[in-house]
N, C-alpha and C. Protein backbone atom coordinates (compact mmCIF):
# COMPACT_ATOMS: atom_id res chain seq x y z
N MET A 1 -70.59 -2.59 -57.18
CA MET A 1 -70.46 -3.01 -55.74
C MET A 1 -70.80 -4.36 -55.37
N ASP A 2 -70.08 -4.69 -54.62
CA ASP A 2 -70.39 -6.16 -53.87
C ASP A 2 -71.29 -6.12 -53.24
N PRO A 3 -72.58 -6.90 -53.47
CA PRO A 3 -73.67 -6.78 -53.34
C PRO A 3 -74.13 -7.79 -51.90
N THR A 4 -73.09 -8.12 -51.06
CA THR A 4 -72.43 -8.95 -49.80
C THR A 4 -72.51 -8.06 -48.86
N GLY A 5 -71.60 -6.61 -49.37
CA GLY A 5 -72.00 -5.95 -47.94
C GLY A 5 -70.29 -5.94 -47.25
N ALA A 6 -69.77 -7.27 -47.79
CA ALA A 6 -68.48 -7.14 -47.16
C ALA A 6 -66.91 -6.32 -47.49
N TYR A 7 -66.30 -5.48 -47.24
CA TYR A 7 -65.12 -4.70 -47.25
C TYR A 7 -63.95 -5.22 -46.82
N ARG A 8 -62.94 -4.97 -46.69
CA ARG A 8 -61.52 -4.69 -46.15
C ARG A 8 -60.94 -3.60 -46.48
N ILE A 9 -60.15 -3.22 -45.49
CA ILE A 9 -59.53 -2.26 -45.34
C ILE A 9 -58.22 -2.53 -46.01
N ALA A 10 -57.41 -1.53 -46.62
CA ALA A 10 -55.78 -2.11 -47.56
C ALA A 10 -54.87 -0.57 -47.40
N ALA A 11 -53.50 -1.50 -47.65
CA ALA A 11 -53.22 0.33 -48.32
C ALA A 11 -53.37 1.19 -49.03
N LEU A 12 -53.52 2.06 -49.60
CA LEU A 12 -53.77 2.32 -50.75
C LEU A 12 -52.37 2.91 -51.81
N GLY A 13 -52.61 2.60 -53.15
CA GLY A 13 -51.37 2.77 -54.02
C GLY A 13 -52.23 2.57 -55.47
N ALA A 14 -51.43 2.92 -56.02
CA ALA A 14 -50.75 3.57 -57.57
C ALA A 14 -52.25 2.71 -58.02
N GLU A 15 -52.58 1.10 -57.73
CA GLU A 15 -53.63 0.16 -58.59
C GLU A 15 -54.96 0.88 -57.80
N HIS A 16 -55.16 1.37 -56.90
CA HIS A 16 -56.21 1.53 -56.89
C HIS A 16 -56.66 3.79 -57.08
N ALA A 17 -55.90 4.28 -57.93
CA ALA A 17 -55.81 5.35 -58.49
C ALA A 17 -57.04 5.85 -58.77
N GLU A 18 -56.97 5.00 -60.10
CA GLU A 18 -58.33 5.77 -61.09
C GLU A 18 -59.91 5.43 -60.09
N GLN A 19 -59.98 4.39 -59.50
CA GLN A 19 -61.41 4.73 -58.48
C GLN A 19 -61.47 5.55 -57.17
N VAL A 20 -60.46 5.82 -57.20
CA VAL A 20 -59.90 6.69 -55.62
C VAL A 20 -60.59 8.38 -56.21
N LEU A 21 -59.47 7.85 -57.56
CA LEU A 21 -59.80 9.92 -57.74
C LEU A 21 -60.99 9.80 -58.38
N ALA A 22 -62.24 8.94 -59.20
CA ALA A 22 -62.95 8.42 -59.18
C ALA A 22 -63.92 9.20 -58.52
N ILE A 23 -64.24 8.51 -56.98
CA ILE A 23 -64.77 8.65 -56.12
C ILE A 23 -64.29 9.87 -55.37
N TYR A 24 -63.35 11.22 -55.12
CA TYR A 24 -62.98 12.07 -55.08
C TYR A 24 -63.71 12.98 -56.05
N GLN A 25 -63.89 12.49 -57.23
CA GLN A 25 -64.53 13.52 -58.31
C GLN A 25 -66.19 13.39 -57.49
N LEU A 26 -67.11 12.49 -57.62
CA LEU A 26 -67.94 12.67 -57.03
C LEU A 26 -68.64 13.00 -56.02
N GLY A 27 -67.61 13.50 -55.00
CA GLY A 27 -67.61 14.07 -53.64
C GLY A 27 -67.41 15.81 -54.39
N ILE A 28 -66.54 15.93 -55.22
CA ILE A 28 -66.62 17.35 -55.75
C ILE A 28 -68.30 17.28 -56.41
N ASP A 29 -68.28 16.67 -56.89
CA ASP A 29 -69.71 16.81 -57.76
C ASP A 29 -70.86 17.29 -56.85
N GLU A 30 -70.50 16.68 -55.93
CA GLU A 30 -71.85 17.18 -54.93
C GLU A 30 -72.13 18.41 -54.08
N GLY A 31 -70.63 18.95 -54.06
CA GLY A 31 -70.61 20.13 -53.45
C GLY A 31 -70.18 20.68 -52.45
N ASN A 32 -70.62 19.62 -51.21
CA ASN A 32 -70.61 19.93 -50.10
C ASN A 32 -68.98 19.22 -49.19
N ALA A 33 -67.72 18.68 -50.07
CA ALA A 33 -67.07 17.87 -49.50
C ALA A 33 -65.76 18.88 -49.72
N THR A 34 -65.97 19.50 -51.03
CA THR A 34 -64.00 20.27 -50.54
C THR A 34 -64.35 21.62 -51.36
N PHE A 35 -63.40 22.88 -51.10
CA PHE A 35 -62.64 23.99 -52.06
C PHE A 35 -62.82 23.48 -53.61
N GLU A 36 -62.01 22.11 -53.73
CA GLU A 36 -61.52 21.49 -54.99
C GLU A 36 -62.79 21.15 -55.49
N THR A 37 -62.54 21.92 -57.46
CA THR A 37 -63.42 22.41 -58.32
C THR A 37 -63.12 20.38 -59.25
N ALA A 38 -62.08 19.87 -59.41
CA ALA A 38 -61.79 18.44 -60.31
C ALA A 38 -60.48 17.76 -59.17
N ALA A 39 -61.07 16.77 -59.46
CA ALA A 39 -59.57 15.44 -58.71
C ALA A 39 -58.29 16.31 -58.90
N PRO A 40 -57.03 15.79 -58.34
CA PRO A 40 -55.78 16.15 -59.34
C PRO A 40 -55.27 15.16 -60.28
N THR A 41 -54.44 15.19 -60.18
CA THR A 41 -53.82 14.46 -61.52
C THR A 41 -53.94 13.02 -60.30
N TRP A 42 -53.53 11.71 -60.77
CA TRP A 42 -52.86 10.65 -59.52
C TRP A 42 -51.15 11.25 -58.99
N SER A 43 -50.29 12.00 -59.65
CA SER A 43 -48.95 11.74 -59.71
C SER A 43 -49.04 13.34 -58.79
N GLU A 44 -49.85 14.27 -58.82
CA GLU A 44 -50.08 15.27 -57.26
C GLU A 44 -50.59 14.37 -56.24
N PHE A 45 -51.40 14.00 -56.40
CA PHE A 45 -52.41 12.93 -54.89
C PHE A 45 -51.47 12.01 -54.71
N ASP A 46 -50.14 11.11 -55.49
CA ASP A 46 -49.65 10.95 -54.30
C ASP A 46 -48.85 11.52 -53.98
N ALA A 47 -48.04 12.66 -54.84
CA ALA A 47 -46.89 12.97 -54.26
C ALA A 47 -47.73 14.13 -52.53
N ALA A 48 -48.70 14.03 -52.51
CA ALA A 48 -49.48 15.32 -51.39
C ALA A 48 -49.75 14.25 -50.19
N LYS A 49 -49.73 13.39 -50.51
CA LYS A 49 -50.30 12.78 -49.24
C LYS A 49 -49.30 11.92 -48.62
N LEU A 50 -49.21 11.58 -47.30
CA LEU A 50 -48.35 11.03 -46.17
C LEU A 50 -48.38 9.36 -46.86
N PRO A 51 -47.22 8.32 -46.90
CA PRO A 51 -47.58 7.35 -47.38
C PRO A 51 -48.03 5.90 -46.96
N HIS A 52 -48.08 6.07 -45.50
CA HIS A 52 -48.52 5.59 -44.43
C HIS A 52 -49.64 5.40 -44.13
N HIS A 53 -50.46 7.01 -44.21
CA HIS A 53 -51.53 7.25 -43.64
C HIS A 53 -53.19 7.81 -44.71
N ARG A 54 -52.66 6.38 -45.55
CA ARG A 54 -54.04 6.35 -46.65
C ARG A 54 -54.33 5.09 -46.80
N HIS A 55 -55.23 4.95 -47.22
CA HIS A 55 -56.43 3.45 -46.84
C HIS A 55 -57.32 3.48 -47.94
N VAL A 56 -57.62 2.39 -48.02
CA VAL A 56 -59.18 2.59 -49.16
C VAL A 56 -60.26 1.31 -48.49
N ALA A 57 -61.17 0.86 -48.37
CA ALA A 57 -62.44 0.17 -48.48
C ALA A 57 -62.54 -0.55 -49.91
N LEU A 58 -61.90 -1.98 -49.57
CA LEU A 58 -62.78 -2.87 -50.92
C LEU A 58 -63.41 -4.08 -50.85
N ASP A 59 -64.03 -4.12 -51.61
CA ASP A 59 -65.47 -4.84 -51.36
C ASP A 59 -64.89 -6.32 -52.34
N GLY A 60 -64.93 -7.71 -52.07
CA GLY A 60 -65.28 -8.65 -52.39
C GLY A 60 -64.32 -8.80 -53.61
N THR A 61 -64.70 -7.82 -54.64
CA THR A 61 -64.19 -7.87 -55.78
C THR A 61 -63.25 -7.16 -56.36
N GLY A 62 -62.69 -6.45 -55.21
CA GLY A 62 -61.65 -5.88 -55.48
C GLY A 62 -61.81 -3.99 -55.75
N GLN A 63 -63.17 -3.80 -55.85
CA GLN A 63 -63.87 -2.75 -56.15
C GLN A 63 -63.13 -1.57 -54.88
N VAL A 64 -63.70 -0.35 -55.11
CA VAL A 64 -62.71 0.69 -53.85
C VAL A 64 -64.36 1.28 -53.87
N LEU A 65 -64.65 1.34 -52.48
CA LEU A 65 -65.79 1.42 -51.64
C LEU A 65 -65.57 3.06 -50.77
N GLY A 66 -64.26 3.28 -51.01
CA GLY A 66 -63.76 4.49 -50.52
C GLY A 66 -62.34 4.91 -49.52
N TRP A 67 -61.88 5.77 -49.16
CA TRP A 67 -60.65 5.88 -49.72
C TRP A 67 -60.73 7.34 -48.22
N VAL A 68 -59.55 7.33 -47.33
CA VAL A 68 -58.90 8.01 -46.30
C VAL A 68 -57.50 8.44 -46.64
N ALA A 69 -57.12 9.60 -46.75
CA ALA A 69 -55.18 9.94 -46.86
C ALA A 69 -55.38 11.11 -45.75
N ALA A 70 -54.42 11.31 -45.34
CA ALA A 70 -53.50 12.32 -44.37
C ALA A 70 -52.20 13.36 -45.48
N VAL A 71 -52.42 14.31 -44.78
CA VAL A 71 -50.78 15.53 -45.37
C VAL A 71 -50.53 15.87 -44.14
N PRO A 72 -49.94 16.27 -44.05
CA PRO A 72 -48.88 16.99 -43.09
C PRO A 72 -49.38 19.14 -43.07
N VAL A 73 -49.77 19.37 -41.57
CA VAL A 73 -50.37 20.77 -41.88
C VAL A 73 -49.19 21.52 -41.73
N SER A 74 -48.22 21.06 -41.92
CA SER A 74 -46.58 22.11 -41.73
C SER A 74 -45.74 21.45 -41.60
N ASP A 75 -44.65 22.19 -42.29
CA ASP A 75 -43.10 21.28 -41.83
C ASP A 75 -42.33 21.93 -40.58
N ARG A 76 -42.89 22.74 -40.30
CA ARG A 76 -42.54 23.40 -38.98
C ARG A 76 -42.27 21.99 -38.33
N CYS A 77 -41.21 21.76 -36.85
CA CYS A 77 -40.85 20.51 -36.69
C CYS A 77 -41.71 20.57 -34.79
N ALA A 78 -42.67 21.47 -34.78
CA ALA A 78 -43.71 21.74 -33.55
C ALA A 78 -44.98 21.02 -34.07
N TYR A 79 -44.84 20.74 -34.97
CA TYR A 79 -46.26 20.20 -35.82
C TYR A 79 -46.30 18.58 -36.74
N ALA A 80 -44.72 18.43 -35.73
CA ALA A 80 -44.46 16.99 -36.59
C ALA A 80 -46.11 16.18 -36.49
N GLY A 81 -46.37 16.13 -35.51
CA GLY A 81 -47.50 14.99 -34.78
C GLY A 81 -48.54 15.75 -35.37
N VAL A 82 -48.66 16.15 -36.07
CA VAL A 82 -50.87 17.03 -36.40
C VAL A 82 -50.32 16.73 -38.18
N VAL A 83 -51.57 16.12 -38.58
CA VAL A 83 -52.02 16.19 -39.83
C VAL A 83 -53.11 16.28 -40.26
N GLU A 84 -53.77 16.97 -41.24
CA GLU A 84 -55.47 16.88 -42.09
C GLU A 84 -55.58 15.71 -42.85
N HIS A 85 -56.68 15.18 -42.43
CA HIS A 85 -57.23 14.24 -43.66
C HIS A 85 -57.91 14.65 -44.66
N SER A 86 -58.89 13.65 -45.26
CA SER A 86 -59.79 13.83 -46.39
C SER A 86 -60.44 12.33 -46.30
N VAL A 87 -61.43 11.67 -46.02
CA VAL A 87 -62.39 10.97 -46.33
C VAL A 87 -63.40 11.06 -47.01
N TYR A 88 -63.25 9.90 -47.93
CA TYR A 88 -64.35 9.91 -49.42
C TYR A 88 -64.70 8.21 -49.09
N VAL A 89 -66.14 8.45 -49.68
CA VAL A 89 -67.24 7.25 -49.06
C VAL A 89 -68.61 7.47 -50.25
N HIS A 90 -67.64 6.29 -51.76
CA HIS A 90 -68.91 6.31 -53.03
C HIS A 90 -69.88 6.47 -52.20
N PRO A 91 -71.00 7.03 -53.46
CA PRO A 91 -72.51 7.21 -52.41
C PRO A 91 -73.04 5.69 -52.19
N GLU A 92 -72.81 4.81 -53.74
CA GLU A 92 -73.24 3.86 -53.14
C GLU A 92 -72.64 2.77 -52.10
N ALA A 93 -72.08 3.26 -51.45
CA ALA A 93 -71.38 1.98 -50.35
C ALA A 93 -71.39 3.04 -49.39
N ARG A 94 -72.38 4.47 -49.08
CA ARG A 94 -72.74 4.84 -47.94
C ARG A 94 -73.86 4.00 -47.43
N GLY A 95 -73.57 4.42 -45.71
CA GLY A 95 -74.47 3.99 -44.63
C GLY A 95 -74.20 1.84 -43.92
N ARG A 96 -72.74 1.90 -45.14
CA ARG A 96 -72.45 0.50 -44.63
C ARG A 96 -70.79 0.90 -43.64
N ARG A 97 -71.14 1.59 -42.94
CA ARG A 97 -70.03 2.09 -41.95
C ARG A 97 -68.67 1.93 -42.89
N VAL A 98 -68.03 2.26 -43.86
CA VAL A 98 -67.07 1.98 -44.80
C VAL A 98 -66.67 3.47 -43.67
N GLY A 99 -67.13 4.82 -43.58
CA GLY A 99 -66.47 5.95 -43.42
C GLY A 99 -65.76 5.33 -42.03
N SER A 100 -66.58 4.98 -41.31
CA SER A 100 -65.72 4.72 -39.61
C SER A 100 -65.22 3.81 -39.83
N ALA A 101 -64.58 2.92 -40.45
CA ALA A 101 -63.57 1.77 -40.84
C ALA A 101 -62.24 2.36 -41.36
N LEU A 102 -62.78 3.01 -42.46
CA LEU A 102 -61.62 3.89 -42.91
C LEU A 102 -60.85 5.07 -41.98
N LEU A 103 -61.64 5.71 -40.65
CA LEU A 103 -60.91 6.46 -40.17
C LEU A 103 -60.41 5.71 -38.89
N HIS A 104 -60.60 4.65 -38.76
CA HIS A 104 -60.33 3.89 -37.31
C HIS A 104 -58.84 3.37 -37.85
N ALA A 105 -58.90 3.20 -39.40
CA ALA A 105 -57.48 2.83 -39.78
C ALA A 105 -56.31 4.14 -40.16
N LEU A 106 -56.83 4.98 -40.02
CA LEU A 106 -56.29 6.59 -39.94
C LEU A 106 -55.98 6.65 -38.90
N ILE A 107 -56.58 6.20 -37.65
CA ILE A 107 -56.38 6.60 -36.20
C ILE A 107 -55.72 6.08 -35.82
N ALA A 108 -55.46 4.48 -35.94
CA ALA A 108 -54.28 3.57 -36.01
C ALA A 108 -53.09 3.64 -36.72
N SER A 109 -53.54 4.03 -37.89
CA SER A 109 -51.61 4.44 -38.36
C SER A 109 -51.13 5.30 -38.10
N THR A 110 -51.70 6.79 -37.42
CA THR A 110 -51.34 7.93 -37.00
C THR A 110 -50.92 7.44 -35.78
N GLU A 111 -51.53 6.92 -34.86
CA GLU A 111 -51.27 6.71 -33.18
C GLU A 111 -50.50 6.11 -33.33
N ALA A 112 -49.87 4.62 -34.30
CA ALA A 112 -48.31 3.80 -34.38
C ALA A 112 -47.26 4.84 -34.89
N ALA A 113 -47.52 6.06 -36.01
CA ALA A 113 -46.12 6.56 -36.07
C ALA A 113 -45.64 7.81 -34.96
N GLY A 114 -46.80 7.84 -34.17
CA GLY A 114 -46.39 9.02 -33.04
C GLY A 114 -47.24 10.34 -33.37
N ILE A 115 -48.48 10.46 -34.35
CA ILE A 115 -48.98 11.38 -34.01
C ILE A 115 -50.04 11.48 -32.85
N TRP A 116 -50.11 12.75 -32.69
CA TRP A 116 -51.28 12.76 -31.68
C TRP A 116 -52.30 13.94 -31.97
N THR A 117 -52.60 14.61 -32.90
CA THR A 117 -53.78 15.80 -33.58
C THR A 117 -54.23 15.08 -35.62
N ILE A 118 -55.61 14.84 -35.40
CA ILE A 118 -55.48 14.35 -37.07
C ILE A 118 -56.93 15.65 -36.42
N GLN A 119 -56.71 16.29 -37.96
CA GLN A 119 -57.79 17.53 -38.36
C GLN A 119 -58.25 17.24 -39.21
N SER A 120 -59.64 17.91 -39.96
CA SER A 120 -60.04 18.66 -40.91
C SER A 120 -60.95 19.24 -41.10
N GLY A 121 -61.46 20.22 -42.51
CA GLY A 121 -62.07 21.29 -42.27
C GLY A 121 -63.02 20.43 -43.36
N ILE A 122 -64.85 20.52 -42.41
CA ILE A 122 -66.21 19.99 -42.98
C ILE A 122 -66.83 21.75 -43.04
N PHE A 123 -67.48 21.56 -44.63
CA PHE A 123 -68.51 22.26 -44.87
C PHE A 123 -69.67 21.88 -43.79
N PRO A 124 -69.94 22.90 -43.23
CA PRO A 124 -71.29 22.81 -42.14
C PRO A 124 -72.68 22.32 -42.58
N GLU A 125 -72.48 22.25 -43.59
CA GLU A 125 -73.86 21.51 -44.65
C GLU A 125 -73.60 20.23 -44.94
N ASN A 126 -72.82 19.60 -44.32
CA ASN A 126 -71.89 18.04 -44.92
C ASN A 126 -72.53 17.53 -43.33
N ALA A 127 -73.96 17.52 -43.01
CA ALA A 127 -73.60 16.76 -41.46
C ALA A 127 -73.61 15.36 -41.37
N SER A 128 -73.52 14.33 -42.12
CA SER A 128 -73.59 12.95 -42.73
C SER A 128 -71.93 13.25 -42.39
N SER A 129 -70.87 14.11 -42.38
CA SER A 129 -69.06 14.06 -42.14
C SER A 129 -69.13 14.41 -40.53
N LEU A 130 -69.80 15.57 -40.37
CA LEU A 130 -69.87 15.72 -39.44
C LEU A 130 -70.09 14.55 -37.98
N ALA A 131 -71.53 14.54 -38.45
CA ALA A 131 -71.64 13.19 -37.87
C ALA A 131 -71.04 12.04 -37.53
N LEU A 132 -70.17 11.77 -38.82
CA LEU A 132 -69.39 10.14 -38.66
C LEU A 132 -67.54 10.97 -37.92
N HIS A 133 -67.47 11.74 -37.96
CA HIS A 133 -65.91 12.40 -37.26
C HIS A 133 -66.58 12.25 -35.84
N GLU A 134 -67.79 12.82 -35.43
CA GLU A 134 -68.30 12.86 -34.17
C GLU A 134 -68.17 11.63 -33.40
N ARG A 135 -68.91 10.29 -34.22
CA ARG A 135 -68.57 8.75 -34.14
C ARG A 135 -67.12 8.59 -33.46
N ALA A 136 -66.07 9.06 -34.37
CA ALA A 136 -64.89 8.71 -35.04
C ALA A 136 -64.36 8.81 -33.41
N GLY A 137 -64.75 10.08 -32.38
CA GLY A 137 -64.12 10.65 -31.64
C GLY A 137 -63.59 12.17 -31.52
N PHE A 138 -63.90 12.27 -33.06
CA PHE A 138 -63.63 14.04 -33.58
C PHE A 138 -64.33 15.28 -32.38
N ARG A 139 -63.80 15.83 -32.01
CA ARG A 139 -64.67 17.43 -31.45
C ARG A 139 -64.78 18.75 -32.46
N VAL A 140 -65.57 19.24 -32.32
CA VAL A 140 -65.88 20.23 -33.12
C VAL A 140 -64.83 21.21 -32.34
N ILE A 141 -64.11 22.07 -33.18
CA ILE A 141 -63.14 23.13 -32.67
C ILE A 141 -63.61 24.27 -32.49
N GLY A 142 -64.54 24.63 -33.82
CA GLY A 142 -65.08 26.13 -34.35
C GLY A 142 -65.18 26.26 -35.41
N THR A 143 -65.92 27.39 -35.90
CA THR A 143 -66.26 27.40 -37.36
C THR A 143 -65.23 28.37 -37.72
N ARG A 144 -65.39 28.37 -38.94
CA ARG A 144 -64.18 29.71 -39.70
C ARG A 144 -65.35 29.92 -40.95
N GLU A 145 -65.17 31.17 -40.34
CA GLU A 145 -66.32 31.55 -40.90
C GLU A 145 -66.28 32.87 -42.42
N ARG A 146 -66.91 32.19 -43.63
CA ARG A 146 -66.65 32.98 -44.71
C ARG A 146 -65.37 32.88 -45.14
N ILE A 147 -64.56 31.52 -44.84
CA ILE A 147 -63.14 30.98 -45.39
C ILE A 147 -62.83 31.18 -46.67
N GLY A 148 -63.63 30.78 -47.07
CA GLY A 148 -63.14 30.68 -49.05
C GLY A 148 -64.25 30.72 -49.70
N ARG A 149 -64.48 30.96 -51.11
CA ARG A 149 -65.42 31.32 -51.73
C ARG A 149 -65.59 29.65 -53.02
N HIS A 150 -66.90 29.38 -53.06
CA HIS A 150 -67.14 27.55 -53.51
C HIS A 150 -68.20 28.26 -54.46
N HIS A 151 -67.85 28.36 -56.15
CA HIS A 151 -68.29 28.90 -56.75
C HIS A 151 -68.90 29.96 -56.66
N GLY A 152 -67.87 30.59 -56.03
CA GLY A 152 -68.77 32.46 -56.44
C GLY A 152 -69.67 32.36 -54.74
N VAL A 153 -69.29 31.58 -53.85
CA VAL A 153 -70.68 32.24 -52.66
C VAL A 153 -69.05 31.76 -51.73
N TRP A 154 -69.67 32.75 -50.65
CA TRP A 154 -68.75 32.03 -49.35
C TRP A 154 -69.46 30.97 -48.18
N ARG A 155 -68.12 30.12 -48.42
CA ARG A 155 -68.54 28.77 -47.39
C ARG A 155 -67.42 28.65 -46.09
N ASP A 156 -68.36 28.63 -44.97
CA ASP A 156 -67.42 28.56 -43.78
C ASP A 156 -67.26 27.02 -43.67
N VAL A 157 -66.00 26.68 -42.94
CA VAL A 157 -65.84 25.44 -42.72
C VAL A 157 -65.92 25.11 -40.90
N THR A 158 -66.18 24.05 -40.61
CA THR A 158 -66.36 23.49 -39.65
C THR A 158 -64.95 22.80 -38.90
N LEU A 159 -64.05 23.53 -38.29
CA LEU A 159 -62.86 22.69 -37.84
C LEU A 159 -63.12 21.76 -36.82
N VAL A 160 -62.61 20.17 -36.90
CA VAL A 160 -62.78 19.07 -35.95
C VAL A 160 -61.60 18.61 -36.26
N GLU A 161 -61.26 18.50 -34.69
CA GLU A 161 -59.78 17.07 -34.36
C GLU A 161 -59.98 16.32 -33.46
N ARG A 162 -59.04 15.53 -33.64
CA ARG A 162 -58.84 14.09 -32.88
C ARG A 162 -57.27 14.27 -32.38
N ARG A 163 -57.58 14.09 -31.02
CA ARG A 163 -56.61 14.44 -29.63
C ARG A 163 -56.30 12.97 -29.71
N SER A 164 -55.63 12.33 -29.81
CA SER A 164 -54.92 11.00 -29.50
C SER A 164 -54.68 10.79 -27.88
N PRO A 165 -55.32 10.02 -27.24
CA PRO A 165 -55.40 9.69 -25.41
C PRO A 165 -53.85 8.50 -25.95
N VAL A 166 -53.50 8.11 -26.78
CA VAL A 166 -52.39 7.14 -26.38
C VAL A 166 -50.56 7.70 -26.81
N VAL A 167 -50.82 8.60 -27.84
CA VAL A 167 -49.51 9.71 -27.83
C VAL A 167 -49.51 10.59 -27.05
N VAL A 168 -49.07 11.24 -25.98
CA VAL A 168 -48.73 12.11 -25.32
C VAL A 168 -47.43 12.40 -25.39
């Protein structure tokens, strides 16, 4: 990782695939990021994520420090302005406001597209993600108790959302 601490936000593309999926797997391996047990293939990831709402943070050497991406919550037209997102930061890049920069890029791209709600489900044990989202203007909607099993253990998920003050 670039020791200067500088980074920039860019569109997430195929050229970032290997590093993005490696960061995803690191988050999976930590145990409090997702119900997933393995990162998808690039083609699965690419097909699922909305192309205009995925961003990477790159250091001065082009190394991916983190990523954010969104998916539609439903194909029903009533939910056209609602997306669910994921944000992952490489463990060595944490504490540098990379997650905040990525969330702000996502907010900007979604608002420009007329999306009024960004939501996510976060394990309650992931206190740093909950704090990151609160700082970015997300609010806790509630906790879905014992919503799914993760490695044989029932897990709760805290639902957070950000309603755009711009898109009405």
